[in-house]
Amino acid sequence: MSQFGIHHVTAISGEARRNVDFYTRILGLRLVKKTVNFDDPGAWHLYYGDEAGTPGTILTFFPWAQAAEGRLGAGELQETVFRVPQASVGFWTHRLTAAGVPELTRSERFGETVLSFRDPDGMRLALLGMAGIEREPGWASAEIPAEHALRGFHSVSLMLEDSAATGAILSDVLGFAEAAREGHVTRFQAPGTAVGGIVDLRAVGGFLRGRMGRGSVHHLAFRAADDAAEAEMVRKLAANHGIATTEQKDRNYFRSVYFREPGHVLFEIATDAPGFAVDEPAERLGQTLKLPHFLEPQRAEIESHLPALS
């Protein structure tokens, strides 16, 4: 059966230790994989998510301590929104206030309550209170009971000069359909996808272009059930939209292709398989450094240069 929606979001952070502390302690996500940037093995690639590292819950980071601060603008992913039970909004308001997170605000969007804030590097995040998800499993941490835990992605929002061409790709290739409009925002939803099933396109014609850096989202990945589904998406992109992807790249936990969509955001299509338990038991996810086979001969050197995480 075809499965659509968001697979993961990958962002750029500053200091790695601070990143781990914020996402595991303050937000209570599970660190499901510690590996390195395959293209820059001197830097960590850290994956956070739910207990199993389920597609639609995964937020990943390239921590580059010396990265300059990014500037939000057109052609970027603006905000990453997580789901929480509606009854947990008060818990999270208190917790984030006590933690002193920057720019904490409460608002209503499409009739739902949203808590917006930034992480220590300026990345824009939000928690959205949803009814009816209380019984979904939650990853309990030392400070956050399972009933209040984040339940994967609700949505992401993209800032685009014009949203029409991007919307066409979401609809024709990536399994989404236009669901609602509010002001300059058009909401696309993947039918039947509860977690990571929404992409909001915000048209901001004339807005300054974004500048990638610390606090910026590097790319947005969408789900493909398997290699065949991914290949069909690649075919549609070329045939219907004149867009070529990269060759397929093996990322150990999924197989991916990349392309720059018409609004200039870097998109990835990633397979659900094989998942994060392919190289370590599910109960021990994220506890040790995992390297792809081609980097194993350099393990000692890589480990000696990676910054401490705790």
Protein backbone atom coordinates (compact mmCIF):
# COMPACT_ATOMS: atom_id res chain seq x y z
CA MET A 1 0.00 0.00 0.00
CA SER A 2 1.28 3.46 -0.84
CA GLN A 3 2.32 5.62 2.09
CA PHE A 4 2.75 9.36 1.76
CA GLY A 5 3.66 12.26 4.01
CA ILE A 6 6.74 13.76 5.62
CA HIS A 7 9.61 11.34 6.27
CA HIS A 8 11.97 13.69 8.13
CA VAL A 9 13.18 17.26 8.45
CA THR A 10 16.92 18.00 8.51
CA ALA A 11 18.26 21.24 9.97
CA ILE A 12 21.54 22.95 10.83
CA SER A 13 22.40 23.57 14.46
CA GLY A 14 25.28 25.06 16.37
CA GLU A 15 26.99 23.28 19.26
CA ALA A 16 26.10 19.57 19.35
CA ARG A 17 25.88 19.16 23.12
CA ARG A 18 23.36 22.00 23.40
CA ASN A 19 21.32 20.47 20.57
CA VAL A 20 21.13 17.09 22.31
CA ASP A 21 20.16 18.69 25.62
CA PHE A 22 17.34 20.73 24.09
CA TYR A 23 15.75 18.01 21.98
CA THR A 24 16.09 15.12 24.45
CA ARG A 25 15.63 16.94 27.78
CA ILE A 26 13.44 19.98 27.00
CA LEU A 27 11.31 18.45 24.22
CA GLY A 28 11.66 14.83 25.32
CA LEU A 29 12.42 13.28 21.93
CA ARG A 30 14.39 10.06 21.71
CA LEU A 31 17.86 10.24 20.18
CA VAL A 32 17.36 7.34 17.77
CA LYS A 33 20.61 7.49 15.80
CA LYS A 34 24.09 8.88 16.28
CA THR A 35 25.98 8.86 13.02
CA VAL A 36 27.99 11.32 10.94
CA ASN A 37 27.26 13.48 7.94
CA PHE A 38 28.21 11.03 5.17
CA ASP A 39 29.49 13.96 3.07
CA ASP A 40 31.31 15.59 6.02
CA PRO A 41 32.29 12.75 8.41
CA GLY A 42 33.95 15.17 10.83
CA ALA A 43 30.47 16.35 11.84
CA TRP A 44 27.69 14.54 13.64
CA HIS A 45 24.35 13.68 12.05
CA LEU A 46 21.87 13.30 14.92
CA TYR A 47 18.38 11.85 14.52
CA TYR A 48 15.55 12.43 17.00
CA GLY A 49 12.09 10.89 16.92
CA ASP A 50 9.61 8.63 18.65
CA GLU A 51 10.54 5.35 20.31
CA ALA A 52 10.99 3.47 17.03
CA GLY A 53 12.18 6.32 14.80
CA THR A 54 8.98 6.15 12.76
CA PRO A 55 8.85 8.14 9.51
CA GLY A 56 6.90 11.31 10.19
CA THR A 57 8.49 11.79 13.63
CA ILE A 58 12.13 12.29 12.63
CA LEU A 59 13.98 15.59 13.08
CA THR A 60 17.68 15.43 12.22
CA PHE A 61 20.57 17.86 12.61
CA PHE A 62 23.97 18.64 11.20
CA PRO A 63 25.62 20.34 14.22
CA TRP A 64 28.27 22.74 12.95
CA ALA A 65 29.49 24.75 15.95
CA GLN A 66 31.00 27.49 13.79
CA ALA A 67 28.03 27.91 11.46
CA ALA A 68 26.89 31.50 10.92
CA GLU A 69 23.32 32.32 11.87
CA GLY A 70 20.80 31.70 9.11
CA ARG A 71 18.26 34.23 7.89
CA LEU A 72 14.69 33.16 7.25
CA GLY A 73 13.30 34.16 3.90
CA ALA A 74 11.56 33.03 0.75
CA GLY A 75 12.64 29.62 -0.49
CA GLU A 76 12.87 28.02 2.94
CA LEU A 77 11.05 25.78 5.35
CA GLN A 78 9.72 28.31 7.85
CA GLU A 79 8.44 26.23 10.77
CA THR A 80 8.30 22.62 11.94
CA VAL A 81 5.18 21.73 13.93
CA PHE A 82 4.80 18.76 16.29
CA ARG A 83 1.55 17.19 17.51
CA VAL A 84 0.71 17.04 21.23
CA PRO A 85 -2.53 15.99 22.92
CA GLN A 86 -4.87 18.95 23.30
CA ALA A 87 -4.94 18.46 27.06
CA SER A 88 -1.14 18.84 27.15
CA VAL A 89 -1.01 22.41 25.82
CA GLY A 90 -1.02 23.79 29.38
CA PHE A 91 1.78 21.44 30.42
CA TRP A 92 3.90 22.56 27.49
CA THR A 93 3.13 26.25 27.99
CA HIS A 94 4.41 25.98 31.55
CA ARG A 95 7.41 23.83 30.62
CA LEU A 96 8.61 26.02 27.76
CA THR A 97 8.08 29.18 29.79
CA ALA A 98 10.11 27.73 32.67
CA ALA A 99 12.84 26.71 30.22
CA GLY A 100 13.02 30.28 28.88
CA VAL A 101 12.62 29.29 25.25
CA PRO A 102 12.74 32.33 22.94
CA GLU A 103 9.66 33.91 21.37
CA LEU A 104 7.03 31.66 22.93
CA THR A 105 3.63 32.70 21.59
CA ARG A 106 0.18 31.12 21.48
CA SER A 107 -2.10 31.49 18.46
CA GLU A 108 -4.89 29.84 16.48
CA ARG A 109 -4.38 28.43 12.97
CA PHE A 110 -7.03 26.65 10.96
CA GLY A 111 -9.02 26.48 14.20
CA GLU A 112 -6.26 24.77 16.22
CA THR A 113 -4.14 25.99 19.16
CA VAL A 114 -0.46 26.44 18.35
CA LEU A 115 2.49 27.21 20.66
CA SER A 116 5.31 28.73 18.58
CA PHE A 117 8.89 29.16 19.82
CA ARG A 118 12.53 28.83 18.78
CA ASP A 119 15.25 26.39 19.71
CA PRO A 120 18.61 27.62 21.05
CA ASP A 121 19.91 28.17 17.50
CA GLY A 122 16.86 30.08 16.32
CA MET A 123 15.07 27.27 14.47
CA ARG A 124 11.32 27.91 14.38
CA LEU A 125 9.25 25.20 16.03
CA ALA A 126 5.69 24.81 17.23
CA LEU A 127 3.50 22.41 19.18
CA LEU A 128 -0.10 21.97 18.06
CA GLY A 129 -2.73 20.64 20.43
CA MET A 130 -4.84 17.90 18.84
CA ALA A 131 -7.91 16.13 20.13
CA GLY A 132 -8.14 12.35 19.92
CA ILE A 133 -4.43 11.46 19.98
CA GLU A 134 -4.15 10.85 23.74
CA ARG A 135 -3.94 7.08 23.30
CA GLU A 136 -1.19 7.16 20.71
CA PRO A 137 2.04 5.87 22.25
CA GLY A 138 4.42 8.50 23.59
CA TRP A 139 8.12 8.26 24.46
CA ALA A 140 8.48 8.97 28.18
CA SER A 141 11.62 10.83 29.26
CA ALA A 142 13.01 11.69 32.69
CA GLU A 143 11.03 14.95 32.85
CA ILE A 144 8.10 14.34 30.47
CA PRO A 145 5.45 11.69 31.16
CA ALA A 146 4.31 9.65 28.18
CA GLU A 147 0.86 11.28 28.18
CA HIS A 148 2.41 14.67 27.39
CA ALA A 149 5.03 13.44 24.90
CA LEU A 150 5.30 14.78 21.36
CA ARG A 151 3.45 12.57 18.86
CA GLY A 152 5.41 13.22 15.67
CA PHE A 153 4.97 15.94 13.09
CA HIS A 154 1.73 17.75 12.50
CA SER A 155 3.01 19.86 9.62
CA VAL A 156 5.71 22.02 8.12
CA SER A 157 5.26 25.42 6.53
CA LEU A 158 7.23 26.67 3.55
CA MET A 159 7.80 30.33 2.63
CA LEU A 160 7.68 30.67 -1.15
CA GLU A 161 7.70 33.52 -3.65
CA ASP A 162 4.80 31.75 -5.35
CA SER A 163 3.23 28.49 -4.23
CA ALA A 164 1.45 27.22 -7.34
CA ALA A 165 4.25 25.15 -8.89
CA THR A 166 5.22 23.66 -5.54
CA GLY A 167 1.59 22.79 -4.85
CA ALA A 168 1.40 21.03 -8.20
CA ILE A 169 4.32 18.77 -7.23
CA LEU A 170 2.84 18.03 -3.81
CA SER A 171 -0.42 17.03 -5.50
CA ASP A 172 0.85 15.21 -8.59
CA VAL A 173 3.99 13.51 -7.25
CA LEU A 174 4.12 13.41 -3.44
CA GLY A 175 0.61 12.21 -2.57
CA PHE A 176 -0.92 15.40 -1.12
CA ALA A 177 -4.12 17.23 -1.99
CA GLU A 178 -5.18 20.82 -1.33
CA ALA A 179 -7.27 20.79 1.86
CA ALA A 180 -7.83 24.39 3.03
CA ARG A 181 -6.83 28.03 2.70
CA GLU A 182 -6.32 30.71 5.33
CA GLY A 183 -5.05 34.10 4.22
CA HIS A 184 -1.90 33.62 2.15
CA VAL A 185 -1.49 30.00 3.34
CA THR A 186 -2.61 27.00 1.31
CA ARG A 187 -2.75 23.72 3.22
CA PHE A 188 -1.95 20.42 1.53
CA GLN A 189 -2.73 17.13 3.23
CA ALA A 190 -1.81 13.52 2.50
CA PRO A 191 -5.13 11.64 2.78
CA GLY A 192 -5.07 8.95 5.45
CA THR A 193 -1.75 10.08 6.93
CA ALA A 194 -2.14 11.07 10.58
CA VAL A 195 1.51 11.79 11.41
CA GLY A 196 3.44 14.16 9.16
CA GLY A 197 0.57 14.52 6.74
CA ILE A 198 0.36 18.30 6.28
CA VAL A 199 2.42 20.86 4.33
CA ASP A 200 1.41 24.52 4.47
CA LEU A 201 2.57 26.77 1.64
CA ARG A 202 2.85 30.46 2.53
CA ALA A 203 3.02 32.77 -0.51
CA VAL A 204 5.28 35.74 0.30
CA GLY A 205 5.86 37.43 -3.07
CA GLY A 206 8.64 40.01 -2.91
CA PHE A 207 10.05 38.74 0.39
CA LEU A 208 13.83 38.62 0.85
CA ARG A 209 15.42 35.25 -0.01
CA GLY A 210 16.54 33.14 2.92
CA ARG A 211 20.18 32.52 3.81
CA MET A 212 21.12 29.02 5.00
CA GLY A 213 22.90 28.80 8.35
CA ARG A 214 22.52 27.91 12.02
CA GLY A 215 18.81 27.53 12.78
CA SER A 216 17.87 26.90 9.13
CA VAL A 217 16.22 23.79 7.75
CA HIS A 218 18.56 22.18 5.24
CA HIS A 219 15.99 19.97 3.52
CA LEU A 220 12.56 18.38 3.79
CA ALA A 221 12.14 14.66 3.10
CA PHE A 222 8.97 12.95 1.88
CA ARG A 223 8.04 9.30 2.23
CA ALA A 224 8.14 6.61 -0.44
CA ALA A 225 6.95 3.15 0.56
CA ASP A 226 9.80 1.42 -1.31
CA ASP A 227 12.23 1.74 -4.22
CA ALA A 228 9.50 1.22 -6.81
CA ALA A 229 7.34 3.99 -5.35
CA GLU A 230 10.35 6.29 -5.26
CA ALA A 231 11.21 5.49 -8.88
CA GLU A 232 7.65 6.33 -9.93
CA MET A 233 7.91 9.71 -8.17
CA VAL A 234 11.19 10.37 -9.98
CA ARG A 235 9.52 9.49 -13.29
CA LYS A 236 6.59 11.84 -12.64
CA LEU A 237 8.89 14.71 -11.64
CA ALA A 238 10.75 14.43 -14.94
CA ALA A 239 7.79 13.72 -17.21
CA ASN A 240 5.27 16.17 -15.74
CA HIS A 241 7.41 18.91 -14.21
CA GLY A 242 10.73 18.82 -16.06
CA ILE A 243 12.68 18.25 -12.83
CA ALA A 244 15.54 15.77 -12.57
CA THR A 245 16.60 14.27 -9.25
CA THR A 246 20.01 13.09 -8.08
CA GLU A 247 20.86 9.42 -8.40
CA GLN A 248 19.61 7.30 -5.52
CA LYS A 249 21.86 7.55 -2.45
CA ASP A 250 22.03 4.88 0.25
CA ARG A 251 21.70 6.60 3.65
CA ASN A 252 21.80 3.26 5.55
CA TYR A 253 18.36 3.81 7.13
CA PHE A 254 16.58 4.84 3.92
CA ARG A 255 17.42 5.30 0.24
CA SER A 256 17.04 8.81 -1.12
CA VAL A 257 16.91 11.08 -4.13
CA TYR A 258 17.09 14.88 -3.94
CA PHE A 259 15.83 17.77 -6.04
CA ARG A 260 15.30 21.52 -5.77
CA GLU A 261 11.58 22.25 -6.05
CA PRO A 262 10.38 25.36 -7.99
CA GLY A 263 10.33 27.52 -4.85
CA HIS A 264 14.02 26.63 -4.22
CA VAL A 265 13.50 24.42 -1.14
CA LEU A 266 15.64 21.25 -1.22
CA PHE A 267 13.31 18.22 -1.26
CA GLU A 268 14.27 14.61 -0.62
CA ILE A 269 12.28 11.47 -1.29
CA ALA A 270 13.23 8.76 1.21
CA THR A 271 12.13 5.13 1.42
CA ASP A 272 10.54 3.86 4.63
CA ALA A 273 12.84 0.81 4.58
CA PRO A 274 15.06 -0.41 6.06
CA GLY A 275 14.57 1.84 9.13
CA PHE A 276 16.72 2.69 12.13
CA ALA A 277 16.90 -0.77 13.71
CA VAL A 278 18.92 -2.13 10.78
CA ASP A 279 22.25 -1.74 12.61
CA GLU A 280 21.34 -1.78 16.33
CA PRO A 281 18.53 -3.28 18.43
CA ALA A 282 15.42 -1.13 18.81
CA GLU A 283 15.85 -0.95 22.59
CA ARG A 284 19.36 0.51 22.19
CA LEU A 285 18.76 2.99 19.39
CA GLY A 286 21.02 6.03 19.49
CA GLN A 287 23.40 4.76 22.16
CA THR A 288 26.55 4.27 20.07
CA LEU A 289 28.12 5.88 17.01
CA LYS A 290 27.03 4.09 13.85
CA LEU A 291 29.02 4.48 10.64
CA PRO A 292 28.36 3.34 7.07
CA HIS A 293 30.60 0.54 5.87
CA PHE A 294 32.77 2.85 3.77
CA LEU A 295 33.68 4.93 6.84
CA GLU A 296 34.37 2.07 9.29
CA PRO A 297 38.11 1.99 8.46
CA GLN A 298 38.28 5.62 9.67
CA ARG A 299 36.34 5.04 12.91
CA ALA A 300 39.19 5.82 15.32
CA GLU A 301 40.04 9.07 13.56
CA ILE A 302 36.38 10.10 13.27
CA GLU A 303 35.68 9.39 16.94
CA SER A 304 38.71 11.40 18.02
CA HIS A 305 37.46 14.52 16.21
CA LEU A 306 33.74 14.47 16.95
CA PRO A 307 32.67 16.90 19.70
CA ALA A 308 31.25 15.51 22.96
CA LEU A 309 27.49 15.16 23.22
CA SER A 310 27.19 15.18 27.02
